[in-house]
């Protein structure tokens, strides 16, 4: 069970004909739990970033974007990320449009890997809600 300390302060006072009750609740969580939660958040942020970049690559190739500026940067960054998935499924090409199946498979696989990593991290948590 998660160790959370609660401190509750209750103040009452009368203001005219009204009885006012003011409550203040403060909590402090276990630092180890906080660290695990932040680590999971950072890993998911990285995963969402990977998916966004790979998604941009897919869209740029599908729409036949010119190799200039940001498009070239995205291609260069993602070239390494899709290497493990190249050639698994055929990628169709029609004119300048290219269906990059490796990018789509990369998005799915990276999300699965990140879900597995964060699940392993949650095993070290004292919180049993998940």
C-alpha atoms as a PDB file:
ATOM      1  CA  UNK A   1       0.000   0.000   0.000  1.00  0.00           C
ATOM      2  CA  UNK A   2       1.239   3.474  -0.844  1.00  0.00           C
ATOM      3  CA  UNK A   3       2.552   5.517   2.058  1.00  0.00           C
ATOM      4  CA  UNK A   4       0.801   8.866   1.947  1.00  0.00           C
ATOM      5  CA  UNK A   5       0.679  11.152   4.932  1.00  0.00           C
ATOM      6  CA  UNK A   6      -2.364  13.354   5.328  1.00  0.00           C
ATOM      7  CA  UNK A   7      -2.592  16.488   7.423  1.00  0.00           C
ATOM      8  CA  UNK A   8      -6.039  17.973   7.806  1.00  0.00           C
ATOM      9  CA  UNK A   9      -6.653  21.393   9.339  1.00  0.00           C
ATOM     10  CA  UNK A  10     -10.175  22.510  10.148  1.00  0.00           C
ATOM     11  CA  UNK A  11     -11.029  26.084  11.147  1.00  0.00           C
ATOM     12  CA  UNK A  12     -14.467  27.272  12.113  1.00  0.00           C
ATOM     13  CA  UNK A  13     -15.633  30.777  12.734  1.00  0.00           C
ATOM     14  CA  UNK A  14     -18.822  32.782  12.741  1.00  0.00           C
ATOM     15  CA  UNK A  15     -19.203  35.674  10.323  1.00  0.00           C
ATOM     16  CA  UNK A  16     -22.442  37.451  11.030  1.00  0.00           C
ATOM     17  CA  UNK A  17     -25.258  34.916  10.803  1.00  0.00           C
ATOM     18  CA  UNK A  18     -23.095  32.410   8.896  1.00  0.00           C
ATOM     19  CA  UNK A  19     -21.019  29.604  10.349  1.00  0.00           C
ATOM     20  CA  UNK A  20     -17.915  29.210   8.145  1.00  0.00           C
ATOM     21  CA  UNK A  21     -15.924  25.969   8.080  1.00  0.00           C
ATOM     22  CA  UNK A  22     -12.572  26.058   6.306  1.00  0.00           C
ATOM     23  CA  UNK A  23     -10.756  22.781   5.688  1.00  0.00           C
ATOM     24  CA  UNK A  24      -7.256  22.380   4.359  1.00  0.00           C
ATOM     25  CA  UNK A  25      -5.770  18.996   3.454  1.00  0.00           C
ATOM     26  CA  UNK A  26      -2.082  18.494   2.787  1.00  0.00           C
ATOM     27  CA  UNK A  27      -0.564  15.282   1.508  1.00  0.00           C
ATOM     28  CA  UNK A  28       2.978  14.069   1.173  1.00  0.00           C
ATOM     29  CA  UNK A  29       3.765  10.964  -0.871  1.00  0.00           C
ATOM     30  CA  UNK A  30       6.609   8.496  -0.621  1.00  0.00           C
ATOM     31  CA  UNK A  31       9.647   9.875  -2.538  1.00  0.00           C
ATOM     32  CA  UNK A  32      10.358   6.483  -4.123  1.00  0.00           C
ATOM     33  CA  UNK A  33       6.804   6.301  -5.492  1.00  0.00           C
ATOM     34  CA  UNK A  34       7.151   9.831  -6.850  1.00  0.00           C
ATOM     35  CA  UNK A  35      10.411   8.884  -8.596  1.00  0.00           C
ATOM     36  CA  UNK A  36       8.858   5.796 -10.205  1.00  0.00           C
ATOM     37  CA  UNK A  37       5.860   7.809 -11.388  1.00  0.00           C
ATOM     38  CA  UNK A  38       8.071  10.512 -12.896  1.00  0.00           C
ATOM     39  CA  UNK A  39      10.255   7.908 -14.591  1.00  0.00           C
ATOM     40  CA  UNK A  40       7.178   6.369 -16.200  1.00  0.00           C
ATOM     41  CA  UNK A  41       6.017   9.803 -17.346  1.00  0.00           C
ATOM     42  CA  UNK A  42       9.406  10.548 -18.911  1.00  0.00           C
ATOM     43  CA  UNK A  43       9.437   7.199 -20.720  1.00  0.00           C
ATOM     44  CA  UNK A  44       5.913   7.771 -22.071  1.00  0.00           C
ATOM     45  CA  UNK A  45       6.889  11.276 -23.204  1.00  0.00           C
ATOM     46  CA  UNK A  46       9.816   9.784 -25.113  1.00  0.00           C
ATOM     47  CA  UNK A  47       7.475   7.185 -26.642  1.00  0.00           C
ATOM     48  CA  UNK A  48       4.983   9.813 -27.760  1.00  0.00           C
ATOM     49  CA  UNK A  49       7.835  11.818 -29.280  1.00  0.00           C
ATOM     50  CA  UNK A  50       9.023   8.746 -31.221  1.00  0.00           C
ATOM     51  CA  UNK A  51       5.490   8.065 -32.450  1.00  0.00           C
ATOM     52  CA  UNK A  52       5.038  11.679 -33.544  1.00  0.00           C
ATOM     53  CA  UNK A  53       8.321  11.741 -35.462  1.00  0.00           C
ATOM     54  CA  UNK A  54       7.633   8.377 -37.111  1.00  0.00           C
ATOM     55  CA  UNK A  55       4.098   9.522 -37.915  1.00  0.00           C
ATOM     56  CA  UNK A  56       5.478  12.628 -39.600  1.00  0.00           C
ATOM     57  CA  UNK A  57       7.853  10.454 -41.621  1.00  0.00           C
ATOM     58  CA  UNK A  58       4.943   8.274 -42.723  1.00  0.00           C
ATOM     59  CA  UNK A  59       2.819  11.267 -43.774  1.00  0.00           C
ATOM     60  CA  UNK A  60       5.708  13.006 -45.567  1.00  0.00           C
ATOM     61  CA  UNK A  61       6.504   9.875 -47.572  1.00  0.00           C
ATOM     62  CA  UNK A  62       2.841   9.151 -48.273  1.00  0.00           C
ATOM     63  CA  UNK A  63       2.258  12.656 -49.617  1.00  0.00           C
ATOM     64  CA  UNK A  64       5.566  12.781 -51.507  1.00  0.00           C
ATOM     65  CA  UNK A  65       7.088  15.727 -49.629  1.00  0.00           C
ATOM     66  CA  UNK A  66      10.190  17.379 -51.064  1.00  0.00           C
ATOM     67  CA  UNK A  67      13.524  16.624 -49.387  1.00  0.00           C
ATOM     68  CA  UNK A  68      14.105  20.070 -47.889  1.00  0.00           C
ATOM     69  CA  UNK A  69      14.375  21.531 -44.405  1.00  0.00           C
ATOM     70  CA  UNK A  70      12.340  19.819 -41.738  1.00  0.00           C
ATOM     71  CA  UNK A  71      11.420  16.893 -43.994  1.00  0.00           C
ATOM     72  CA  UNK A  72      15.068  15.977 -44.496  1.00  0.00           C
ATOM     73  CA  UNK A  73      15.703  16.336 -40.752  1.00  0.00           C
ATOM     74  CA  UNK A  74      12.794  13.994 -39.934  1.00  0.00           C
ATOM     75  CA  UNK A  75      14.033  11.429 -42.486  1.00  0.00           C
ATOM     76  CA  UNK A  76      17.549  11.520 -41.045  1.00  0.00           C
ATOM     77  CA  UNK A  77      16.364  11.158 -37.437  1.00  0.00           C
ATOM     78  CA  UNK A  78      13.965   8.321 -38.189  1.00  0.00           C
ATOM     79  CA  UNK A  79      16.234   6.374 -40.523  1.00  0.00           C
ATOM     80  CA  UNK A  80      17.891   4.683 -37.553  1.00  0.00           C
ATOM     81  CA  UNK A  81      14.592   4.148 -35.725  1.00  0.00           C
ATOM     82  CA  UNK A  82      12.991   2.126 -38.524  1.00  0.00           C
ATOM     83  CA  UNK A  83      16.015  -0.031 -39.386  1.00  0.00           C
ATOM     84  CA  UNK A  84      14.839  -3.019 -37.297  1.00  0.00           C
ATOM     85  CA  UNK A  85      11.480  -2.984 -39.112  1.00  0.00           C
ATOM     86  CA  UNK A  86      12.577  -2.461 -42.728  1.00  0.00           C
ATOM     87  CA  UNK A  87      11.696  -5.285 -45.079  1.00  0.00           C
ATOM     88  CA  UNK A  88       9.244  -7.057 -42.756  1.00  0.00           C
ATOM     89  CA  UNK A  89       6.250  -5.937 -44.815  1.00  0.00           C
ATOM     90  CA  UNK A  90       6.299  -4.714 -48.402  1.00  0.00           C
ATOM     91  CA  UNK A  91       6.041  -0.966 -48.922  1.00  0.00           C
ATOM     92  CA  UNK A  92       4.019   0.116 -51.952  1.00  0.00           C
ATOM     93  CA  UNK A  93       4.991   3.033 -54.156  1.00  0.00           C
ATOM     94  CA  UNK A  94       2.804   4.892 -56.621  1.00  0.00           C
ATOM     95  CA  UNK A  95       4.415   7.845 -58.383  1.00  0.00           C
ATOM     96  CA  UNK A  96       5.946  10.040 -55.689  1.00  0.00           C
ATOM     97  CA  UNK A  97       3.765   8.539 -52.945  1.00  0.00           C
ATOM     98  CA  UNK A  98       5.378   5.846 -50.765  1.00  0.00           C
ATOM     99  CA  UNK A  99       3.595   3.743 -48.122  1.00  0.00           C
ATOM    100  CA  UNK A 100       6.215   3.269 -45.392  1.00  0.00           C
ATOM    101  CA  UNK A 101       5.102   0.123 -43.579  1.00  0.00           C
ATOM    102  CA  UNK A 102       8.309   0.144 -41.501  1.00  0.00           C
ATOM    103  CA  UNK A 103       7.331   3.473 -39.916  1.00  0.00           C
ATOM    104  CA  UNK A 104       3.860   2.196 -38.983  1.00  0.00           C
ATOM    105  CA  UNK A 105       5.267  -1.025 -37.576  1.00  0.00           C
ATOM    106  CA  UNK A 106       7.863   1.019 -35.670  1.00  0.00           C
ATOM    107  CA  UNK A 107       5.155   3.117 -34.024  1.00  0.00           C
ATOM    108  CA  UNK A 108       3.287   0.008 -32.875  1.00  0.00           C
ATOM    109  CA  UNK A 109       6.404  -1.823 -31.695  1.00  0.00           C
ATOM    110  CA  UNK A 110       7.877   1.151 -29.823  1.00  0.00           C
ATOM    111  CA  UNK A 111       4.560   1.672 -28.019  1.00  0.00           C
ATOM    112  CA  UNK A 112       4.482  -2.009 -27.045  1.00  0.00           C
ATOM    113  CA  UNK A 113       8.082  -1.860 -25.787  1.00  0.00           C
ATOM    114  CA  UNK A 114       7.373   1.270 -23.764  1.00  0.00           C
ATOM    115  CA  UNK A 115       4.210  -0.235 -22.294  1.00  0.00           C
ATOM    116  CA  UNK A 116       6.235  -3.275 -21.233  1.00  0.00           C
ATOM    117  CA  UNK A 117       8.996  -1.115 -19.695  1.00  0.00           C
ATOM    118  CA  UNK A 118       6.532   1.007 -17.718  1.00  0.00           C
ATOM    119  CA  UNK A 119       4.735  -2.136 -16.541  1.00  0.00           C
ATOM    120  CA  UNK A 120       8.064  -3.490 -15.269  1.00  0.00           C
ATOM    121  CA  UNK A 121       8.674  -0.173 -13.488  1.00  0.00           C
ATOM    122  CA  UNK A 122       5.246  -0.419 -11.860  1.00  0.00           C
ATOM    123  CA  UNK A 123       6.258  -3.796 -10.396  1.00  0.00           C
ATOM    124  CA  UNK A 124       8.654  -1.907  -8.118  1.00  0.00           C
ATOM    125  CA  UNK A 125       5.843   0.320  -6.896  1.00  0.00           C
ATOM    126  CA  UNK A 126       4.095  -0.232  -3.599  1.00  0.00           C
ATOM    127  CA  UNK A 127       0.870   1.004  -5.202  1.00  0.00           C
ATOM    128  CA  UNK A 128      -1.318  -1.963  -6.188  1.00  0.00           C
ATOM    129  CA  UNK A 129      -4.026   0.014  -8.012  1.00  0.00           C
ATOM    130  CA  UNK A 130      -2.787  -0.947 -11.488  1.00  0.00           C
END
